[in-house]
Amino acid sequence: MNSPEIKEFIKEHSYLFWYTPEDKKENISQEFLVETILNYGNLDAVKYLFNLLGIKTVAEIFYKANFNRKRVNYFKPVSNYFNLFFKRNVPGYPFT
């Protein structure tokens, strides 16, 4: 269950979740939220996501999705950029 702040953030960026039914948008997983915002969101959306969840939490979700799966849903340039970004800005990244 998402917090009211996350639900509001999703509502403000609902156009990024165009393929998700309206009645299910508010309760999407944090993994799906991070993936969508990092892949399709603008800089302001990414900054706000970091403020909502915390940069370390976003980095953990990103790492698990990128390095513990056979199929990765992040675009290659996005994956490369945020991998470098988190290495520089999150202590302990990459997580083991």
C-alpha atoms as a PDB file:
ATOM      1  CA  MET A   1       0.000   0.000   0.000  1.00  0.00           C
ATOM      2  CA  ASN A   2       1.441   3.332  -1.030  1.00  0.00           C
ATOM      3  CA  SER A   3       1.543   6.435   1.156  1.00  0.00           C
ATOM      4  CA  PRO A   4      -0.667   9.416   0.286  1.00  0.00           C
ATOM      5  CA  GLU A   5       2.422  11.288  -0.980  1.00  0.00           C
ATOM      6  CA  ILE A   6       3.326   8.473  -3.369  1.00  0.00           C
ATOM      7  CA  LYS A   7      -0.285   8.209  -4.547  1.00  0.00           C
ATOM      8  CA  GLU A   8      -0.295  11.949  -5.282  1.00  0.00           C
ATOM      9  CA  PHE A   9       3.014  11.638  -7.135  1.00  0.00           C
ATOM     10  CA  ILE A  10       1.583   8.801  -9.240  1.00  0.00           C
ATOM     11  CA  LYS A  11      -1.534  10.870  -9.961  1.00  0.00           C
ATOM     12  CA  GLU A  12       0.580  13.840 -11.076  1.00  0.00           C
ATOM     13  CA  HIS A  13       2.548  11.572 -13.428  1.00  0.00           C
ATOM     14  CA  SER A  14      -0.285   9.266 -14.472  1.00  0.00           C
ATOM     15  CA  TYR A  15       0.475   9.874 -18.156  1.00  0.00           C
ATOM     16  CA  LEU A  16       3.654   7.802 -17.673  1.00  0.00           C
ATOM     17  CA  PHE A  17       1.512   4.837 -16.577  1.00  0.00           C
ATOM     18  CA  TRP A  18      -0.826   4.994 -19.575  1.00  0.00           C
ATOM     19  CA  TYR A  19      -0.982   1.196 -19.900  1.00  0.00           C
ATOM     20  CA  THR A  20      -2.015   0.667 -16.273  1.00  0.00           C
ATOM     21  CA  PRO A  21      -5.766   0.727 -15.551  1.00  0.00           C
ATOM     22  CA  GLU A  22      -6.830   3.881 -13.693  1.00  0.00           C
ATOM     23  CA  ASP A  23      -8.173   1.983 -10.685  1.00  0.00           C
ATOM     24  CA  LYS A  24      -4.831   0.186 -10.198  1.00  0.00           C
ATOM     25  CA  LYS A  25      -2.414   3.100 -10.607  1.00  0.00           C
ATOM     26  CA  GLU A  26      -2.397   4.214  -6.970  1.00  0.00           C
ATOM     27  CA  ASN A  27      -1.278   0.792  -5.766  1.00  0.00           C
ATOM     28  CA  ILE A  28       1.567   0.003  -8.158  1.00  0.00           C
ATOM     29  CA  SER A  29       4.693  -1.464  -6.612  1.00  0.00           C
ATOM     30  CA  GLN A  30       7.700   0.656  -5.754  1.00  0.00           C
ATOM     31  CA  GLU A  31       9.714  -1.426  -8.224  1.00  0.00           C
ATOM     32  CA  PHE A  32       7.359  -0.499 -11.058  1.00  0.00           C
ATOM     33  CA  LEU A  33       7.262   3.136  -9.928  1.00  0.00           C
ATOM     34  CA  VAL A  34      11.069   3.436  -9.902  1.00  0.00           C
ATOM     35  CA  GLU A  35      11.429   1.674 -13.258  1.00  0.00           C
ATOM     36  CA  THR A  36       8.854   3.899 -14.945  1.00  0.00           C
ATOM     37  CA  ILE A  37      10.145   7.172 -13.520  1.00  0.00           C
ATOM     38  CA  LEU A  38      13.798   6.405 -14.285  1.00  0.00           C
ATOM     39  CA  ASN A  39      12.965   5.241 -17.820  1.00  0.00           C
ATOM     40  CA  TYR A  40      10.371   7.858 -18.807  1.00  0.00           C
ATOM     41  CA  GLY A  41      10.311  10.648 -16.224  1.00  0.00           C
ATOM     42  CA  ASN A  42      11.955  14.035 -16.494  1.00  0.00           C
ATOM     43  CA  LEU A  43      14.602  15.401 -14.133  1.00  0.00           C
ATOM     44  CA  ASP A  44      12.022  16.933 -11.782  1.00  0.00           C
ATOM     45  CA  ALA A  45      10.183  13.615 -11.485  1.00  0.00           C
ATOM     46  CA  VAL A  46      13.425  11.768 -10.722  1.00  0.00           C
ATOM     47  CA  LYS A  47      14.404  14.331  -8.057  1.00  0.00           C
ATOM     48  CA  TYR A  48      10.968  14.102  -6.471  1.00  0.00           C
ATOM     49  CA  LEU A  49      11.174  10.296  -6.503  1.00  0.00           C
ATOM     50  CA  PHE A  50      14.504  10.518  -4.652  1.00  0.00           C
ATOM     51  CA  ASN A  51      12.876  12.793  -2.070  1.00  0.00           C
ATOM     52  CA  LEU A  52       9.875  10.490  -1.642  1.00  0.00           C
ATOM     53  CA  LEU A  53      11.629   7.146  -1.364  1.00  0.00           C
ATOM     54  CA  GLY A  54      15.187   8.185  -0.572  1.00  0.00           C
ATOM     55  CA  ILE A  55      18.076   7.858  -2.983  1.00  0.00           C
ATOM     56  CA  LYS A  56      19.390   4.710  -1.274  1.00  0.00           C
ATOM     57  CA  THR A  57      16.027   2.937  -1.590  1.00  0.00           C
ATOM     58  CA  VAL A  58      15.782   3.899  -5.259  1.00  0.00           C
ATOM     59  CA  ALA A  59      19.345   2.647  -5.803  1.00  0.00           C
ATOM     60  CA  GLU A  60      18.534  -0.668  -4.086  1.00  0.00           C
ATOM     61  CA  ILE A  61      15.418  -1.183  -6.201  1.00  0.00           C
ATOM     62  CA  PHE A  62      17.358  -0.258  -9.341  1.00  0.00           C
ATOM     63  CA  TYR A  63      20.217  -2.614  -8.466  1.00  0.00           C
ATOM     64  CA  LYS A  64      17.929  -5.582  -7.775  1.00  0.00           C
ATOM     65  CA  ALA A  65      16.073  -5.041 -11.041  1.00  0.00           C
ATOM     66  CA  ASN A  66      19.216  -4.571 -13.099  1.00  0.00           C
ATOM     67  CA  PHE A  67      21.606  -7.131 -11.733  1.00  0.00           C
ATOM     68  CA  ASN A  68      19.495  -9.960 -10.299  1.00  0.00           C
ATOM     69  CA  ARG A  69      17.317 -10.689 -13.340  1.00  0.00           C
ATOM     70  CA  LYS A  70      17.756 -12.289 -16.706  1.00  0.00           C
ATOM     71  CA  ARG A  71      15.491  -9.733 -18.361  1.00  0.00           C
ATOM     72  CA  VAL A  72      16.081  -6.069 -17.629  1.00  0.00           C
ATOM     73  CA  ASN A  73      13.351  -3.529 -18.351  1.00  0.00           C
ATOM     74  CA  TYR A  74      15.547  -0.439 -18.144  1.00  0.00           C
ATOM     75  CA  PHE A  75      16.732   1.125 -21.384  1.00  0.00           C
ATOM     76  CA  LYS A  76      20.479   0.581 -21.815  1.00  0.00           C
ATOM     77  CA  PRO A  77      21.417   4.297 -21.699  1.00  0.00           C
ATOM     78  CA  VAL A  78      19.208   4.773 -18.615  1.00  0.00           C
ATOM     79  CA  SER A  79      20.716   1.737 -16.944  1.00  0.00           C
ATOM     80  CA  ASN A  80      24.253   2.905 -17.671  1.00  0.00           C
ATOM     81  CA  TYR A  81      23.588   6.464 -16.503  1.00  0.00           C
ATOM     82  CA  PHE A  82      21.966   5.522 -13.205  1.00  0.00           C
ATOM     83  CA  ASN A  83      24.513   2.805 -12.510  1.00  0.00           C
ATOM     84  CA  LEU A  84      27.263   5.460 -12.767  1.00  0.00           C
ATOM     85  CA  PHE A  85      25.148   7.996 -10.857  1.00  0.00           C
ATOM     86  CA  PHE A  86      24.476   5.636  -7.944  1.00  0.00           C
ATOM     87  CA  LYS A  87      28.127   4.516  -7.810  1.00  0.00           C
ATOM     88  CA  ARG A  88      29.102   8.130  -7.325  1.00  0.00           C
ATOM     89  CA  ASN A  89      26.297   9.248  -4.999  1.00  0.00           C
ATOM     90  CA  VAL A  90      25.219   6.275  -2.874  1.00  0.00           C
ATOM     91  CA  PRO A  91      27.668   4.874  -0.312  1.00  0.00           C
ATOM     92  CA  GLY A  92      28.006   1.109  -0.614  1.00  0.00           C
ATOM     93  CA  TYR A  93      26.651   0.904  -4.154  1.00  0.00           C
ATOM     94  CA  PRO A  94      26.720  -1.567  -5.876  1.00  0.00           C
ATOM     95  CA  PHE A  95      25.115  -3.620  -3.149  1.00  0.00           C
ATOM     96  CA  THR A  96      26.140  -7.227  -2.713  1.00  0.00           C
END
